PDB file of N, CA and C in Angstrom:
ATOM      1  N   MET A   1      45.233-155.716  -5.149  1.00  0.00           N
ATOM      2  CA  MET A   1      45.758-154.668  -4.304  1.00  0.00           C
ATOM      3  C   MET A   1      46.201-155.303  -2.988  1.00  0.00           C
ATOM      4  N   LYS A   2      47.377-154.932  -2.534  1.00  0.00           N
ATOM      5  CA  LYS A   2      47.914-155.514  -1.312  1.00  0.00           C
ATOM      6  C   LYS A   2      47.369-154.805  -0.084  1.00  0.00           C
ATOM      7  N   HIS A   3      47.175-155.527   0.980  1.00  0.00           N
ATOM      8  CA  HIS A   3      46.733-154.946   2.245  1.00  0.00           C
ATOM      9  C   HIS A   3      47.957-154.615   3.076  1.00  0.00           C
ATOM     10  N   THR A   4      48.392-153.408   2.963  1.00  0.00           N
ATOM     11  CA  THR A   4      49.567-152.989   3.717  1.00  0.00           C
ATOM     12  C   THR A   4      49.139-152.357   5.028  1.00  0.00           C
ATOM     13  N   ALA A   5      50.109-152.133   5.909  1.00  0.00           N
ATOM     14  CA  ALA A   5      49.824-151.511   7.209  1.00  0.00           C
ATOM     15  C   ALA A   5      49.348-150.074   7.022  1.00  0.00           C
ATOM     16  N   ALA A   6      49.917-149.360   6.064  1.00  0.00           N
ATOM     17  CA  ALA A   6      49.521-147.969   5.827  1.00  0.00           C
ATOM     18  C   ALA A   6      48.075-147.913   5.349  1.00  0.00           C
ATOM     19  N   ARG A   7      47.688-148.847   4.466  1.00  0.00           N
ATOM     20  CA  ARG A   7      46.318-148.853   3.973  1.00  0.00           C
ATOM     21  C   ARG A   7      45.342-149.163   5.109  1.00  0.00           C
ATOM     22  N   THR A   8      45.675-150.029   6.003  1.00  0.00           N
ATOM     23  CA  THR A   8      44.832-150.361   7.143  1.00  0.00           C
ATOM     24  C   THR A   8      44.685-149.165   8.067  1.00  0.00           C
ATOM     25  N   ARG A   9      45.786-148.438   8.294  1.00  0.00           N
ATOM     26  CA  ARG A   9      45.729-147.232   9.143  1.00  0.00           C
ATOM     27  C   ARG A   9      44.801-146.192   8.518  1.00  0.00           C
ATOM     28  N   ARG A  10      44.889-146.011   7.193  1.00  0.00           N
ATOM     29  CA  ARG A  10      44.022-145.032   6.533  1.00  0.00           C
ATOM     30  C   ARG A  10      42.562-145.426   6.681  1.00  0.00           C
ATOM     31  N   ALA A  11      42.251-146.688   6.571  1.00  0.00           N
ATOM     32  CA  ALA A  11      40.876-147.153   6.710  1.00  0.00           C
ATOM     33  C   ALA A  11      40.369-146.917   8.127  1.00  0.00           C
ATOM     34  N   VAL A  12      41.205-147.132   9.118  1.00  0.00           N
ATOM     35  CA  VAL A  12      40.803-146.905  10.506  1.00  0.00           C
ATOM     36  C   VAL A  12      40.616-145.425  10.760  1.00  0.00           C
ATOM     37  N   ILE A  13      41.490-144.593  10.220  1.00  0.00           N
ATOM     38  CA  ILE A  13      41.374-143.145  10.403  1.00  0.00           C
ATOM     39  C   ILE A  13      40.093-142.652   9.749  1.00  0.00           C
ATOM     40  N   ARG A  14      39.773-143.127   8.542  1.00  0.00           N
ATOM     41  CA  ARG A  14      38.557-142.696   7.859  1.00  0.00           C
ATOM     42  C   ARG A  14      37.313-143.118   8.641  1.00  0.00           C
ATOM     43  N   ALA A  15      37.358-144.259   9.241  1.00  0.00           N
ATOM     44  CA  ALA A  15      36.197-144.749   9.972  1.00  0.00           C
ATOM     45  C   ALA A  15      35.975-143.989  11.273  1.00  0.00           C
ATOM     46  N   THR A  16      37.022-143.418  11.839  1.00  0.00           N
ATOM     47  CA  THR A  16      36.874-142.724  13.127  1.00  0.00           C
ATOM     48  C   THR A  16      36.621-141.241  12.964  1.00  0.00           C
ATOM     49  N   THR A  17      36.774-140.684  11.774  1.00  0.00           N
ATOM     50  CA  THR A  17      36.536-139.256  11.585  1.00  0.00           C
ATOM     51  C   THR A  17      35.059-138.999  11.379  1.00  0.00           C
ATOM     52  N   HIS A  18      34.695-137.756  11.483  1.00  0.00           N
ATOM     53  CA  HIS A  18      33.312-137.340  11.292  1.00  0.00           C
ATOM     54  C   HIS A  18      32.924-137.545   9.841  1.00  0.00           C
ATOM     55  N   PRO A  19      31.716-137.985   9.551  1.00  0.00           N
ATOM     56  CA  PRO A  19      31.344-138.283   8.163  1.00  0.00           C
ATOM     57  C   PRO A  19      31.337-137.056   7.258  1.00  0.00           C
ATOM     58  N   HIS A  20      31.195-135.834   7.814  1.00  0.00           N
ATOM     59  CA  HIS A  20      31.157-134.641   6.975  1.00  0.00           C
ATOM     60  C   HIS A  20      32.544-134.046   6.777  1.00  0.00           C
ATOM     61  N   ALA A  21      33.525-134.559   7.478  1.00  0.00           N
ATOM     62  CA  ALA A  21      34.875-134.035   7.334  1.00  0.00           C
ATOM     63  C   ALA A  21      35.542-134.717   6.157  1.00  0.00           C
ATOM     64  N   GLY A  22      36.050-133.916   5.241  1.00  0.00           N
ATOM     65  CA  GLY A  22      36.731-134.473   4.093  1.00  0.00           C
ATOM     66  C   GLY A  22      38.133-134.924   4.474  1.00  0.00           C
ATOM     67  N   PRO A  23      38.834-135.520   3.539  1.00  0.00           N
ATOM     68  CA  PRO A  23      40.180-135.996   3.854  1.00  0.00           C
ATOM     69  C   PRO A  23      41.157-134.856   4.120  1.00  0.00           C
ATOM     70  N   ASP A  24      40.875-133.660   3.564  1.00  0.00           N
ATOM     71  CA  ASP A  24      41.786-132.541   3.777  1.00  0.00           C
ATOM     72  C   ASP A  24      41.404-131.698   4.992  1.00  0.00           C
ATOM     73  N   ARG A  25      40.329-132.062   5.663  1.00  0.00           N
ATOM     74  CA  ARG A  25      39.880-131.303   6.827  1.00  0.00           C
ATOM     75  C   ARG A  25      40.147-132.089   8.091  1.00  0.00           C
ATOM     76  N   ALA A  26      40.351-131.359   9.161  1.00  0.00           N
ATOM     77  CA  ALA A  26      40.533-132.027  10.444  1.00  0.00           C
ATOM     78  C   ALA A  26      39.182-132.561  10.908  1.00  0.00           C
ATOM     79  N   PRO A  27      39.160-133.651  11.626  1.00  0.00           N
ATOM     80  CA  PRO A  27      37.877-134.175  12.098  1.00  0.00           C
ATOM     81  C   PRO A  27      37.222-133.214  13.074  1.00  0.00           C
ATOM     82  N   ARG A  28      35.892-133.169  13.027  1.00  0.00           N
ATOM     83  CA  ARG A  28      35.154-132.286  13.921  1.00  0.00           C
ATOM     84  C   ARG A  28      35.141-132.848  15.318  1.00  0.00           C
ATOM     85  N   ARG A  29      35.004-131.959  16.262  1.00  0.00           N
ATOM     86  CA  ARG A  29      34.933-132.395  17.643  1.00  0.00           C
ATOM     87  C   ARG A  29      33.552-132.960  17.931  1.00  0.00           C
ATOM     88  N   PRO A  30      33.376-133.612  19.049  1.00  0.00           N
ATOM     89  CA  PRO A  30      32.058-134.175  19.374  1.00  0.00           C
ATOM     90  C   PRO A  30      30.984-133.105  19.509  1.00  0.00           C
ATOM     91  N   ALA A  31      29.807-133.499  19.883  1.00  0.00           N
ATOM     92  CA  ALA A  31      28.617-132.644  19.855  1.00  0.00           C
ATOM     93  C   ALA A  31      28.736-131.404  20.724  1.00  0.00           C
ATOM     94  N   HIS A  32      29.656-131.341  21.676  1.00  0.00           N
ATOM     95  CA  HIS A  32      29.733-130.160  22.527  1.00  0.00           C
ATOM     96  C   HIS A  32      30.200-128.945  21.758  1.00  0.00           C
ATOM     97  N   ASP A  33      30.646-129.101  20.525  1.00  0.00           N
ATOM     98  CA  ASP A  33      31.099-127.977  19.717  1.00  0.00           C
ATOM     99  C   ASP A  33      30.031-127.561  18.714  1.00  0.00           C
ATOM    100  N   SER A  34      28.828-128.083  18.842  1.00  0.00           N
ATOM    101  CA  SER A  34      27.788-127.732  17.882  1.00  0.00           C
ATOM    102  C   SER A  34      27.309-126.311  18.123  1.00  0.00           C
ATOM    103  N   ARG A  35      26.620-125.778  17.149  1.00  0.00           N
ATOM    104  CA  ARG A  35      26.169-124.388  17.210  1.00  0.00           C
ATOM    105  C   ARG A  35      25.199-124.160  18.367  1.00  0.00           C
ATOM    106  N   GLY A  36      24.284-125.091  18.563  1.00  0.00           N
ATOM    107  CA  GLY A  36      23.319-124.961  19.648  1.00  0.00           C
ATOM    108  C   GLY A  36      23.991-124.949  21.006  1.00  0.00           C
ATOM    109  N   SER A  37      25.019-125.768  21.166  1.00  0.00           N
ATOM    110  CA  SER A  37      25.740-125.806  22.438  1.00  0.00           C
ATOM    111  C   SER A  37      26.465-124.490  22.689  1.00  0.00           C
ATOM    112  N   ARG A  38      27.017-123.903  21.629  1.00  0.00           N
ATOM    113  CA  ARG A  38      27.706-122.619  21.798  1.00  0.00           C
ATOM    114  C   ARG A  38      26.725-121.528  22.193  1.00  0.00           C
ATOM    115  N   ILE A  39      25.541-121.542  21.598  1.00  0.00           N
ATOM    116  CA  ILE A  39      24.536-120.535  21.934  1.00  0.00           C
ATOM    117  C   ILE A  39      24.087-120.701  23.380  1.00  0.00           C
ATOM    118  N   ILE A  40      23.888-121.946  23.790  1.00  0.00           N
ATOM    119  CA  ILE A  40      23.495-122.202  25.180  1.00  0.00           C
ATOM    120  C   ILE A  40      24.601-121.759  26.122  1.00  0.00           C
ATOM    121  N   GLY A  41      25.861-122.021  25.762  1.00  0.00           N
ATOM    122  CA  GLY A  41      26.984-121.594  26.593  1.00  0.00           C
ATOM    123  C   GLY A  41      27.046-120.086  26.725  1.00  0.00           C
ATOM    124  N   ARG A  42      26.835-119.378  25.614  1.00  0.00           N
ATOM    125  CA  ARG A  42      26.833-117.910  25.662  1.00  0.00           C
ATOM    126  C   ARG A  42      25.697-117.392  26.523  1.00  0.00           C
ATOM    127  N   ALA A  43      24.533-118.011  26.388  1.00  0.00           N
ATOM    128  CA  ALA A  43      23.380-117.581  27.188  1.00  0.00           C
ATOM    129  C   ALA A  43      23.642-117.817  28.669  1.00  0.00           C
ATOM    130  N   ASN A  44      24.258-118.941  28.998  1.00  0.00           N
ATOM    131  CA  ASN A  44      24.578-119.211  30.397  1.00  0.00           C
ATOM    132  C   ASN A  44      25.573-118.197  30.942  1.00  0.00           C
ATOM    133  N   ARG A  45      26.608-117.886  30.156  1.00  0.00           N
ATOM    134  CA  ARG A  45      27.599-116.897  30.608  1.00  0.00           C
ATOM    135  C   ARG A  45      26.958-115.531  30.771  1.00  0.00           C
ATOM    136  N   ALA A  46      26.061-115.156  29.850  1.00  0.00           N
ATOM    137  CA  ALA A  46      25.383-113.864  29.950  1.00  0.00           C
ATOM    138  C   ALA A  46      24.487-113.816  31.183  1.00  0.00           C
ATOM    139  N   ALA A  47      23.796-114.919  31.470  1.00  0.00           N
ATOM    140  CA  ALA A  47      22.928-114.959  32.641  1.00  0.00           C
ATOM    141  C   ALA A  47      23.740-114.858  33.931  1.00  0.00           C
ATOM    142  N   ILE A  48      24.875-115.514  33.958  1.00  0.00           N
ATOM    143  CA  ILE A  48      25.735-115.437  35.143  1.00  0.00           C
ATOM    144  C   ILE A  48      26.254-114.021  35.330  1.00  0.00           C
ATOM    145  N   ARG A  49      26.716-113.384  34.228  1.00  0.00           N
ATOM    146  CA  ARG A  49      27.208-112.008  34.323  1.00  0.00           C
ATOM    147  C   ARG A  49      26.112-111.063  34.780  1.00  0.00           C
ATOM    148  N   LEU A  50      24.906-111.240  34.226  1.00  0.00           N
ATOM    149  CA  LEU A  50      23.790-110.365  34.582  1.00  0.00           C
ATOM    150  C   LEU A  50      23.402-110.536  36.042  1.00  0.00           C
ATOM    151  N   SER A  51      23.322-111.775  36.503  1.00  0.00           N
ATOM    152  CA  SER A  51      22.943-111.994  37.903  1.00  0.00           C
ATOM    153  C   SER A  51      24.023-111.488  38.853  1.00  0.00           C
ATOM    154  N   THR A  52      25.289-111.648  38.479  1.00  0.00           N
ATOM    155  CA  THR A  52      26.380-111.133  39.309  1.00  0.00           C
ATOM    156  C   THR A  52      26.324-109.614  39.378  1.00  0.00           C
ATOM    157  N   ARG A  53      26.100-108.980  38.235  1.00  0.00           N
ATOM    158  CA  ARG A  53      26.029-107.507  38.197  1.00  0.00           C
ATOM    159  C   ARG A  53      24.842-107.008  39.015  1.00  0.00           C
ATOM    160  N   LEU A  54      23.704-107.695  38.904  1.00  0.00           N
ATOM    161  CA  LEU A  54      22.523-107.301  39.663  1.00  0.00           C
ATOM    162  C   LEU A  54      22.766-107.454  41.160  1.00  0.00           C
ATOM    163  N   GLN A  55      23.412-108.542  41.539  1.00  0.00           N
ATOM    164  CA  GLN A  55      23.701-108.759  42.958  1.00  0.00           C
ATOM    165  C   GLN A  55      24.663-107.695  43.482  1.00  0.00           C
ATOM    166  N   GLU A  56      25.678-107.342  42.707  1.00  0.00           N
ATOM    167  CA  GLU A  56      26.603-106.284  43.123  1.00  0.00           C
ATOM    168  C   GLU A  56      25.877-104.950  43.262  1.00  0.00           C
ATOM    169  N   GLY A  57      24.954-104.671  42.323  1.00  0.00           N
ATOM    170  CA  GLY A  57      24.191-103.425  42.405  1.00  0.00           C
ATOM    171  C   GLY A  57      23.305-103.374  43.637  1.00  0.00           C
ATOM    172  N   LEU A  58      22.683-104.496  43.974  1.00  0.00           N
ATOM    173  CA  LEU A  58      21.838-104.540  45.176  1.00  0.00           C
ATOM    174  C   LEU A  58      22.675-104.369  46.443  1.00  0.00           C
ATOM    175  N   GLU A  59      23.862-104.977  46.467  1.00  0.00           N
ATOM    176  CA  GLU A  59      24.739-104.797  47.624  1.00  0.00           C
ATOM    177  C   GLU A  59      25.162-103.337  47.757  1.00  0.00           C
ATOM    178  N   GLU A  60      25.466-102.699  46.635  1.00  0.00           N
ATOM    179  CA  GLU A  60      25.850-101.279  46.658  1.00  0.00           C
ATOM    180  C   GLU A  60      24.680-100.415  47.129  1.00  0.00           C
ATOM    181  N   ALA A  61      23.477-100.749  46.696  1.00  0.00           N
ATOM    182  CA  ALA A  61      22.304 -99.970  47.095  1.00  0.00           C
ATOM    183  C   ALA A  61      22.025-100.107  48.587  1.00  0.00           C
ATOM    184  N   THR A  62      22.257-101.288  49.153  1.00  0.00           N
ATOM    185  CA  THR A  62      22.043-101.440  50.599  1.00  0.00           C
ATOM    186  C   THR A  62      23.137-100.734  51.389  1.00  0.00           C
ATOM    187  N   ARG A  63      24.339-100.671  50.804  1.00  0.00           N
ATOM    188  CA  ARG A  63      25.431 -99.979  51.492  1.00  0.00           C
ATOM    189  C   ARG A  63      25.253 -98.464  51.443  1.00  0.00           C
ATOM    190  N   ARG A  64      24.830 -97.942  50.278  1.00  0.00           N
ATOM    191  CA  ARG A  64      24.634 -96.490  50.109  1.00  0.00           C
ATOM    192  C   ARG A  64      23.240 -96.249  49.558  1.00  0.00           C
ATOM    193  N   PRO A  65      22.235 -96.140  50.402  1.00  0.00           N
ATOM    194  CA  PRO A  65      20.851 -96.041  49.917  1.00  0.00           C
ATOM    195  C   PRO A  65      20.533 -94.745  49.174  1.00  0.00           C
ATOM    196  N   ASP A  66      21.297 -93.674  49.374  1.00  0.00           N
ATOM    197  CA  ASP A  66      20.990 -92.408  48.709  1.00  0.00           C
ATOM    198  C   ASP A  66      21.691 -92.272  47.371  1.00  0.00           C
ATOM    199  N   ARG A  67      22.382 -93.289  46.926  1.00  0.00           N
ATOM    200  CA  ARG A  67      23.149 -93.217  45.685  1.00  0.00           C
ATOM    201  C   ARG A  67      22.220 -93.113  44.481  1.00  0.00           C
ATOM    202  N   GLY A  68      22.458 -92.133  43.606  1.00  0.00           N
ATOM    203  CA  GLY A  68      21.732 -92.016  42.364  1.00  0.00           C
ATOM    204  C   GLY A  68      20.392 -91.310  42.442  1.00  0.00           C
ATOM    205  N   ASP A  69      20.021 -90.786  43.577  1.00  0.00           N
ATOM    206  CA  ASP A  69      18.745 -90.079  43.669  1.00  0.00           C
ATOM    207  C   ASP A  69      18.877 -88.698  43.032  1.00  0.00           C
ATOM    208  N   ILE A  70      17.872 -88.331  42.245  1.00  0.00           N
ATOM    209  CA  ILE A  70      17.841 -87.016  41.627  1.00  0.00           C
ATOM    210  C   ILE A  70      16.829 -86.179  42.393  1.00  0.00           C
ATOM    211  N   SER A  71      17.253 -84.996  42.781  1.00  0.00           N
ATOM    212  CA  SER A  71      16.344 -84.152  43.559  1.00  0.00           C
ATOM    213  C   SER A  71      15.238 -83.593  42.669  1.00  0.00           C
ATOM    214  N   THR A  72      14.132 -83.229  43.285  1.00  0.00           N
ATOM    215  CA  THR A  72      12.985 -82.672  42.564  1.00  0.00           C
ATOM    216  C   THR A  72      13.347 -81.344  41.921  1.00  0.00           C
ATOM    217  N   THR A  73      14.169 -80.579  42.605  1.00  0.00           N
ATOM    218  CA  THR A  73      14.584 -79.274  42.063  1.00  0.00           C
ATOM    219  C   THR A  73      15.344 -79.448  40.753  1.00  0.00           C
ATOM    220  N   THR A  74      16.212 -80.422  40.707  1.00  0.00           N
ATOM    221  CA  THR A  74      16.979 -80.664  39.482  1.00  0.00           C
ATOM    222  C   THR A  74      16.059 -81.034  38.327  1.00  0.00           C
ATOM    223  N   VAL A  75      15.062 -81.847  38.581  1.00  0.00           N
ATOM    224  CA  VAL A  75      14.113 -82.238  37.533  1.00  0.00           C
ATOM    225  C   VAL A  75      13.341 -81.021  37.039  1.00  0.00           C
ATOM    226  N   ILE A  76      12.893 -80.168  37.958  1.00  0.00           N
ATOM    227  CA  ILE A  76      12.145 -78.964  37.573  1.00  0.00           C
ATOM    228  C   ILE A  76      13.012 -78.048  36.711  1.00  0.00           C
ATOM    229  N   ILE A  77      14.267 -77.867  37.086  1.00  0.00           N
ATOM    230  CA  ILE A  77      15.170 -77.005  36.315  1.00  0.00           C
ATOM    231  C   ILE A  77      15.384 -77.561  34.916  1.00  0.00           C
ATOM    232  N   TRP A  78      15.593 -78.875  34.791  1.00  0.00           N
ATOM    233  CA  TRP A  78      15.803 -79.481  33.475  1.00  0.00           C
ATOM    234  C   TRP A  78      14.566 -79.374  32.600  1.00  0.00           C
ATOM    235  N   VAL A  79      13.401 -79.601  33.161  1.00  0.00           N
ATOM    236  CA  VAL A  79      12.157 -79.490  32.382  1.00  0.00           C
ATOM    237  C   VAL A  79      11.967 -78.062  31.904  1.00  0.00           C
ATOM    238  N   ALA A  80      12.228 -77.089  32.766  1.00  0.00           N
ATOM    239  CA  ALA A  80      12.087 -75.682  32.371  1.00  0.00           C
ATOM    240  C   ALA A  80      13.079 -75.321  31.266  1.00  0.00           C
ATOM    241  N   ALA A  81      14.298 -75.814  31.363  1.00  0.00           N
ATOM    242  CA  ALA A  81      15.310 -75.500  30.352  1.00  0.00           C
ATOM    243  C   ALA A  81      14.944 -76.102  28.999  1.00  0.00           C
ATOM    244  N   VAL A  82      14.498 -77.342  28.997  1.00  0.00           N
ATOM    245  CA  VAL A  82      14.118 -77.982  27.735  1.00  0.00           C
ATOM    246  C   VAL A  82      12.892 -77.309  27.140  1.00  0.00           C
ATOM    247  N   THR A  83      11.920 -76.969  27.969  1.00  0.00           N
ATOM    248  CA  THR A  83      10.714 -76.283  27.483  1.00  0.00           C
ATOM    249  C   THR A  83      11.066 -74.930  26.883  1.00  0.00           C
ATOM    250  N   GLY A  84      11.942 -74.189  27.543  1.00  0.00           N
ATOM    251  CA  GLY A  84      12.379 -72.891  27.018  1.00  0.00           C
ATOM    252  C   GLY A  84      13.085 -73.031  25.685  1.00  0.00           C
ATOM    253  N   ALA A  85      13.938 -74.024  25.572  1.00  0.00           N
ATOM    254  CA  ALA A  85      14.659 -74.223  24.310  1.00  0.00           C
ATOM    255  C   ALA A  85      13.701 -74.577  23.179  1.00  0.00           C
ATOM    256  N   VAL A  86      12.696 -75.415  23.471  1.00  0.00           N
ATOM    257  CA  VAL A  86      11.719 -75.788  22.448  1.00  0.00           C
ATOM    258  C   VAL A  86      10.885 -74.575  22.042  1.00  0.00           C
ATOM    259  N   LEU A  87      10.490 -73.744  23.014  1.00  0.00           N
ATOM    260  CA  LEU A  87       9.713 -72.535  22.679  1.00  0.00           C
ATOM    261  C   LEU A  87      10.519 -71.563  21.824  1.00  0.00           C
ATOM    262  N   ILE A  88      11.784 -71.391  22.152  1.00  0.00           N
ATOM    263  CA  ILE A  88      12.623 -70.476  21.359  1.00  0.00           C
ATOM    264  C   ILE A  88      12.794 -71.011  19.942  1.00  0.00           C
ATOM    265  N   ALA A  89      13.053 -72.302  19.811  1.00  0.00           N
ATOM    266  CA  ALA A  89      13.220 -72.876  18.474  1.00  0.00           C
ATOM    267  C   ALA A  89      11.915 -72.798  17.681  1.00  0.00           C
ATOM    268  N   GLY A  90      10.796 -73.030  18.340  1.00  0.00           N
ATOM    269  CA  GLY A  90       9.503 -72.928  17.664  1.00  0.00           C
ATOM    270  C   GLY A  90       9.211 -71.515  17.197  1.00  0.00           C
ATOM    271  N   THR A  91       9.516 -70.530  18.040  1.00  0.00           N
ATOM    272  CA  THR A  91       9.302 -69.121  17.667  1.00  0.00           C
ATOM    273  C   THR A  91      10.149 -68.747  16.466  1.00  0.00           C
ATOM    274  N   ILE A  92      11.391 -69.168  16.466  1.00  0.00           N
ATOM    275  CA  ILE A  92      12.263 -68.871  15.326  1.00  0.00           C
ATOM    276  C   ILE A  92      11.719 -69.525  14.061  1.00  0.00           C
ATOM    277  N   ALA A  93      11.225 -70.756  14.169  1.00  0.00           N
ATOM    278  CA  ALA A  93      10.678 -71.439  12.998  1.00  0.00           C
ATOM    279  C   ALA A  93       9.443 -70.724  12.468  1.00  0.00           C
ATOM    280  N   VAL A  94       8.570 -70.240  13.365  1.00  0.00           N
ATOM    281  CA  VAL A  94       7.366 -69.531  12.943  1.00  0.00           C
ATOM    282  C   VAL A  94       7.728 -68.222  12.257  1.00  0.00           C
ATOM    283  N   VAL A  95       8.676 -67.487  12.804  1.00  0.00           N
ATOM    284  CA  VAL A  95       9.079 -66.196  12.215  1.00  0.00           C
ATOM    285  C   VAL A  95       9.689 -66.422  10.839  1.00  0.00           C
ATOM    286  N   ILE A  96      10.544 -67.444  10.716  1.00  0.00           N
ATOM    287  CA  ILE A  96      11.163 -67.710   9.415  1.00  0.00           C
ATOM    288  C   ILE A  96      10.102 -68.137   8.401  1.00  0.00           C
ATOM    289  N   ALA A  97       9.128 -68.953   8.823  1.00  0.00           N
ATOM    290  CA  ALA A  97       8.071 -69.382   7.899  1.00  0.00           C
ATOM    291  C   ALA A  97       7.199 -68.197   7.473  1.00  0.00           C
ATOM    292  N   LYS A  98       6.949 -67.274   8.390  1.00  0.00           N
ATOM    293  CA  LYS A  98       6.074 -66.135   8.087  1.00  0.00           C
ATOM    294  C   LYS A  98       6.746 -65.163   7.124  1.00  0.00           C
ATOM    295  N   TYR A  99       8.027 -64.900   7.373  1.00  0.00           N
ATOM    296  CA  TYR A  99       8.716 -63.878   6.568  1.00  0.00           C
ATOM    297  C   TYR A  99       9.635 -64.502   5.520  1.00  0.00           C
ATOM    298  N   ASN A 100       9.385 -65.725   5.133  1.00  0.00           N
ATOM    299  CA  ASN A 100      10.260 -66.414   4.204  1.00  0.00           C
ATOM    300  C   ASN A 100      10.272 -65.736   2.837  1.00  0.00           C
ATOM    301  N   GLY A 101       9.145 -65.325   2.355  1.00  0.00           N
ATOM    302  CA  GLY A 101       9.073 -64.680   1.050  1.00  0.00           C
ATOM    303  C   GLY A 101       9.794 -63.339   1.048  1.00  0.00           C
ATOM    304  N   LYS A 102       9.727 -62.602   2.128  1.00  0.00           N
ATOM    305  CA  LYS A 102      10.358 -61.292   2.203  1.00  0.00           C
ATOM    306  C   LYS A 102      11.863 -61.425   2.403  1.00  0.00           C
ATOM    307  N   LEU A 103      12.307 -62.546   3.016  1.00  0.00           N
ATOM    308  CA  LEU A 103      13.741 -62.724   3.252  1.00  0.00           C
ATOM    309  C   LEU A 103      14.474 -63.158   1.982  1.00  0.00           C
ATOM    310  N   ASN A 104      13.741 -63.698   0.993  1.00  0.00           N
ATOM    311  CA  ASN A 104      14.409 -64.141  -0.232  1.00  0.00           C
ATOM    312  C   ASN A 104      14.989 -62.989  -1.040  1.00  0.00           C
ATOM    313  N   GLY A 105      14.428 -61.816  -0.936  1.00  0.00           N
ATOM    314  CA  GLY A 105      14.903 -60.685  -1.715  1.00  0.00           C
ATOM    315  C   GLY A 105      16.119 -60.002  -1.125  1.00  0.00           C
ATOM    316  N   LEU A 106      16.540 -60.360   0.019  1.00  0.00           N
ATOM    317  CA  LEU A 106      17.689 -59.678   0.654  1.00  0.00           C
ATOM    318  C   LEU A 106      18.997 -60.026   0.016  1.00  0.00           C
TER     319      LEU A 106
END
């Protein structure tokens, strides 16, 4: 077999590609493209976004300290409304359970 320039180039290309990359696949990039590195990169970006959002929220809270406060009256009204709705639904359920046999004949 003759040692041609093309054969030498192929040997050099094979030696420089990643060992898991086949001849029909492009060579893999260095270790910075590994799965662990991508996960670490995502975690870093998430931490930066979270800290930035938290810092913006703290700045907003110092600028407007009354923002987002719920009054006691509003809480009392909501609790009363939910309690009333639960009592009404419970009463209806009890009445239907009690008279279920008599309602079947209608």
